[in-house]
């Protein structure tokens, strides 16, 4: 059975992902000077404990947290402009969860998320989800006003320049996967990749889409074009932890 591991996000995430992403975002978010503070995030003196059930949930939680971080200023402006914030029924300690779930809500075009099979529901996630859905029209209008105010064709306009430049550099770099030799050999990985249409080349300079190379200094590392990242993360090799993203 093929397991697609990157489909989370199209219809939302399990409650545990929101909780973990919020904890990560809480520790990474940009601290504002006193005159620019729009939201209160509660006590950040201690690093929250984050528990992941598997590698996939760890990766997805970090991805959601970092995407939220990219648009922190926009999301905060949306919450205040729409009068969704402040909400006195939501304590400051859950503000990070509110912001993370707002990013996801706008990313899904304000569509309802699905409940995942065998998912353990978290009361705080359900409460904030219901609260945001009750204001989805006002939030969508606030997003539209922000875009008009800044003459932005898309929300990509709101990504800070330093992050935008980092992303451009990163997108041009090849991606590397470690072979988990406790589960599979290099030969078996190569055989599996060839069955899926990949071709081995000598070096990254020979890359041409569905190609890969064995690292010249470490035979347990395979290098791929960055454009293949999403497809690679959908392979059974990755789902089974036989290939590990560097």
Protein backbone atom coordinates (compact mmCIF):
# COMPACT_ATOMS: atom_id res chain seq x y z
CA UNK A 1 0.00 0.00 0.00
CA UNK A 2 1.42 3.36 -0.98
CA UNK A 3 1.49 5.92 1.80
CA UNK A 4 1.63 9.54 0.71
CA UNK A 5 3.32 11.40 3.52
CA UNK A 6 3.00 14.96 2.27
CA UNK A 7 -0.77 15.15 1.82
CA UNK A 8 -1.29 16.62 5.28
CA UNK A 9 -2.24 20.25 4.88
CA UNK A 10 -4.60 19.99 1.93
CA UNK A 11 -7.48 19.30 4.31
CA UNK A 12 -5.83 20.50 7.49
CA UNK A 13 -3.80 18.58 10.06
CA UNK A 14 -4.41 16.29 13.04
CA UNK A 15 -4.83 18.22 16.28
CA UNK A 16 -1.42 17.09 17.56
CA UNK A 17 0.30 18.79 14.59
CA UNK A 18 -1.26 22.14 15.44
CA UNK A 19 -0.23 21.78 19.08
CA UNK A 20 3.38 20.93 18.19
CA UNK A 21 3.63 23.62 15.50
CA UNK A 22 2.32 26.20 17.96
CA UNK A 23 4.96 25.22 20.52
CA UNK A 24 7.70 25.50 17.89
CA UNK A 25 6.37 28.83 16.62
CA UNK A 26 6.18 30.14 20.19
CA UNK A 27 9.92 29.64 20.53
CA UNK A 28 10.80 31.06 17.11
CA UNK A 29 8.42 33.97 16.64
CA UNK A 30 9.75 37.49 16.19
CA UNK A 31 9.69 39.55 19.35
CA UNK A 32 8.25 43.01 18.68
CA UNK A 33 9.31 46.25 20.34
CA UNK A 34 6.82 47.60 22.89
CA UNK A 35 5.34 50.11 20.44
CA UNK A 36 4.66 47.50 17.76
CA UNK A 37 3.15 44.67 19.83
CA UNK A 38 -0.21 43.61 18.40
CA UNK A 39 -0.69 40.25 20.16
CA UNK A 40 0.21 38.93 23.60
CA UNK A 41 1.84 35.50 23.49
CA UNK A 42 2.08 34.62 27.15
CA UNK A 43 5.13 33.47 29.07
CA UNK A 44 8.05 32.37 26.88
CA UNK A 45 10.69 31.99 29.60
CA UNK A 46 10.69 28.19 29.29
CA UNK A 47 11.01 26.15 26.13
CA UNK A 48 7.86 24.03 25.70
CA UNK A 49 8.25 20.27 25.49
CA UNK A 50 7.41 18.92 22.04
CA UNK A 51 6.62 15.23 21.53
CA UNK A 52 6.34 13.76 18.04
CA UNK A 53 4.78 10.38 17.34
CA UNK A 54 6.97 9.79 14.27
CA UNK A 55 9.33 11.40 11.76
CA UNK A 56 6.50 12.52 9.51
CA UNK A 57 4.70 14.44 12.26
CA UNK A 58 7.99 16.05 13.30
CA UNK A 59 8.68 17.27 9.76
CA UNK A 60 5.13 18.47 9.16
CA UNK A 61 5.00 20.28 12.53
CA UNK A 62 8.20 22.17 11.79
CA UNK A 63 7.04 23.02 8.26
CA UNK A 64 3.76 24.46 9.58
CA UNK A 65 5.58 26.44 12.28
CA UNK A 66 8.07 27.92 9.82
CA UNK A 67 5.34 28.81 7.31
CA UNK A 68 3.49 30.61 10.10
CA UNK A 69 6.68 32.41 11.07
CA UNK A 70 7.11 33.70 7.51
CA UNK A 71 3.76 35.44 7.65
CA UNK A 72 3.68 36.42 11.34
CA UNK A 73 3.21 40.15 10.63
CA UNK A 74 0.39 39.55 8.16
CA UNK A 75 -1.43 37.07 10.41
CA UNK A 76 -1.24 39.40 13.40
CA UNK A 77 -2.57 42.29 11.31
CA UNK A 78 -5.45 40.11 10.06
CA UNK A 79 -6.45 39.13 13.60
CA UNK A 80 -6.49 42.72 14.84
CA UNK A 81 -8.06 44.25 11.72
CA UNK A 82 -10.90 41.70 11.73
CA UNK A 83 -11.55 42.28 15.46
CA UNK A 84 -11.01 38.54 16.01
CA UNK A 85 -8.29 39.54 18.49
CA UNK A 86 -8.36 40.21 21.35
CA UNK A 87 -10.61 37.38 22.45
CA UNK A 88 -10.85 37.22 26.22
CA UNK A 89 -11.95 33.58 26.22
CA UNK A 90 -8.59 32.57 24.69
CA UNK A 91 -5.66 32.91 27.14
CA UNK A 92 -2.36 34.45 26.01
CA UNK A 93 -0.71 31.02 26.27
CA UNK A 94 -2.84 29.88 23.29
CA UNK A 95 -2.11 32.89 21.04
CA UNK A 96 0.57 30.94 19.18
CA UNK A 97 -1.97 28.21 18.46
CA UNK A 98 -4.43 30.86 17.24
CA UNK A 99 -1.85 32.28 14.80
CA UNK A 100 -0.75 28.85 13.54
CA UNK A 101 -4.33 27.76 12.91
CA UNK A 102 -5.10 31.07 11.17
CA UNK A 103 -2.19 30.51 8.78
CA UNK A 104 -3.53 27.06 7.96
CA UNK A 105 -7.10 28.35 7.57
CA UNK A 106 -6.12 31.02 5.02
CA UNK A 107 -3.82 28.57 3.26
CA UNK A 108 -6.84 26.31 2.71
CA UNK A 109 -8.85 29.29 1.37
CA UNK A 110 -10.96 29.31 4.55
CA UNK A 111 -12.40 25.86 3.87
CA UNK A 112 -13.32 23.51 6.72
CA UNK A 113 -10.71 20.96 7.67
CA UNK A 114 -11.46 17.28 7.90
CA UNK A 115 -11.21 15.12 11.01
CA UNK A 116 -8.56 12.44 10.52
CA UNK A 117 -9.35 8.82 11.25
CA UNK A 118 -8.24 7.63 14.68
CA UNK A 119 -7.18 11.18 15.53
CA UNK A 120 -7.04 12.14 19.18
CA UNK A 121 -8.94 15.42 19.45
CA UNK A 122 -7.51 18.23 21.57
CA UNK A 123 -10.04 20.54 23.23
CA UNK A 124 -7.97 23.71 22.70
CA UNK A 125 -7.56 22.99 18.99
CA UNK A 126 -11.26 22.32 18.55
CA UNK A 127 -12.15 25.50 20.45
CA UNK A 128 -9.85 27.77 18.46
CA UNK A 129 -10.81 26.10 15.18
CA UNK A 130 -14.49 26.75 15.85
CA UNK A 131 -13.72 30.33 16.89
CA UNK A 132 -11.79 31.08 13.68
CA UNK A 133 -14.45 29.44 11.49
CA UNK A 134 -17.10 31.66 13.08
CA UNK A 135 -15.16 34.70 11.82
CA UNK A 136 -13.95 33.31 8.49
CA UNK A 137 -15.78 35.99 6.44
CA UNK A 138 -14.25 38.81 8.48
CA UNK A 139 -10.81 37.19 8.32
CA UNK A 140 -11.01 36.77 4.55
CA UNK A 141 -12.05 40.42 4.26
CA UNK A 142 -9.15 41.48 6.49
CA UNK A 143 -6.74 39.55 4.28
CA UNK A 144 -8.15 41.26 1.19
CA UNK A 145 -7.77 44.70 2.84
CA UNK A 146 -4.16 43.93 3.76
CA UNK A 147 -3.38 42.96 0.18
CA UNK A 148 -5.06 46.08 -1.20
CA UNK A 149 -3.29 48.28 1.36
CA UNK A 150 0.10 46.92 0.33
CA UNK A 151 -0.76 46.44 -3.37
CA UNK A 152 0.12 42.76 -3.00
CA UNK A 153 -0.90 40.26 -5.67
CA UNK A 154 -0.34 37.38 -3.25
CA UNK A 155 0.67 36.82 0.37
CA UNK A 156 4.22 36.10 -0.82
CA UNK A 157 4.63 39.88 -0.80
CA UNK A 158 4.57 39.78 3.01
CA UNK A 159 7.55 37.42 3.38
CA UNK A 160 10.44 39.41 4.95
CA UNK A 161 13.21 40.09 2.46
CA UNK A 162 15.84 38.23 4.49
CA UNK A 163 13.70 35.06 4.50
CA UNK A 164 12.85 35.45 0.82
CA UNK A 165 16.55 35.58 -0.11
CA UNK A 166 17.29 32.55 2.07
CA UNK A 167 14.52 30.59 0.36
CA UNK A 168 15.84 31.52 -3.08
CA UNK A 169 19.30 30.26 -2.16
CA UNK A 170 17.91 27.10 -0.58
CA UNK A 171 15.70 26.27 -3.57
CA UNK A 172 18.76 26.25 -5.82
CA UNK A 173 20.63 23.72 -3.67
CA UNK A 174 20.42 19.95 -4.28
CA UNK A 175 18.74 17.94 -1.53
CA UNK A 176 20.37 15.04 0.26
CA UNK A 177 18.98 11.82 1.72
CA UNK A 178 20.78 9.47 4.06
CA UNK A 179 20.32 5.77 3.39
CA UNK A 180 19.21 4.06 6.57
CA UNK A 181 21.52 1.07 6.27
CA UNK A 182 19.83 -0.58 9.25
CA UNK A 183 16.82 -1.10 6.98
CA UNK A 184 18.11 -1.17 3.40
CA UNK A 185 21.28 -1.36 1.33
CA UNK A 186 22.52 1.11 -1.27
CA UNK A 187 21.97 -1.50 -3.98
CA UNK A 188 18.32 -2.02 -2.99
CA UNK A 189 17.69 1.73 -2.89
CA UNK A 190 19.17 2.12 -6.38
CA UNK A 191 17.04 -0.78 -7.65
CA UNK A 192 13.90 0.79 -6.17
CA UNK A 193 14.67 4.22 -7.63
CA UNK A 194 15.37 2.78 -11.08
CA UNK A 195 12.02 0.97 -11.01
CA UNK A 196 10.41 4.36 -10.39
CA UNK A 197 12.14 5.95 -13.37
CA UNK A 198 15.16 7.58 -11.73
CA UNK A 199 18.55 7.56 -13.46
CA UNK A 200 21.88 7.61 -11.68
CA UNK A 201 24.39 10.23 -12.86
CA UNK A 202 27.99 10.88 -11.86
CA UNK A 203 27.59 14.33 -10.29
CA UNK A 204 25.13 17.15 -9.62
CA UNK A 205 26.35 18.90 -12.76
CA UNK A 206 24.68 16.08 -14.74
CA UNK A 207 21.25 16.51 -13.11
CA UNK A 208 18.30 16.42 -15.49
CA UNK A 209 15.06 16.16 -13.47
CA UNK A 210 14.56 12.44 -12.59
CA UNK A 211 18.21 11.89 -11.78
CA UNK A 212 20.32 11.43 -8.68
CA UNK A 213 23.95 10.97 -7.68
CA UNK A 214 25.77 9.14 -4.90
CA UNK A 215 27.73 11.57 -2.75
CA UNK A 216 31.41 11.38 -3.67
CA UNK A 217 32.56 11.49 -0.05
CA UNK A 218 29.84 9.44 1.63
CA UNK A 219 28.38 6.38 -0.05
CA UNK A 220 25.38 6.41 2.31
CA UNK A 221 24.11 9.73 0.93
CA UNK A 222 22.12 10.29 -2.26
CA UNK A 223 21.78 13.72 -3.85
CA UNK A 224 18.75 14.84 -5.90
CA UNK A 225 17.61 18.00 -7.72
CA UNK A 226 15.68 20.27 -5.34
CA UNK A 227 12.70 20.29 -7.73
CA UNK A 228 12.00 16.65 -6.81
CA UNK A 229 11.61 17.21 -3.06
CA UNK A 230 7.84 16.74 -2.83
CA UNK A 231 7.86 13.68 -5.08
CA UNK A 232 10.68 12.11 -3.08
CA UNK A 233 8.86 12.66 0.20
CA UNK A 234 5.94 10.68 -1.24
CA UNK A 235 8.08 7.59 -1.89
CA UNK A 236 7.65 4.49 0.23
CA UNK A 237 11.40 4.65 0.83
CA UNK A 238 10.84 7.83 2.81
CA UNK A 239 7.61 6.69 4.47
CA UNK A 240 9.41 3.55 5.70
CA UNK A 241 12.37 5.63 6.97
CA UNK A 242 14.71 3.86 4.55
CA UNK A 243 15.68 7.26 3.18
CA UNK A 244 16.12 10.13 5.66
CA UNK A 245 16.01 13.75 4.54
CA UNK A 246 19.21 15.57 5.43
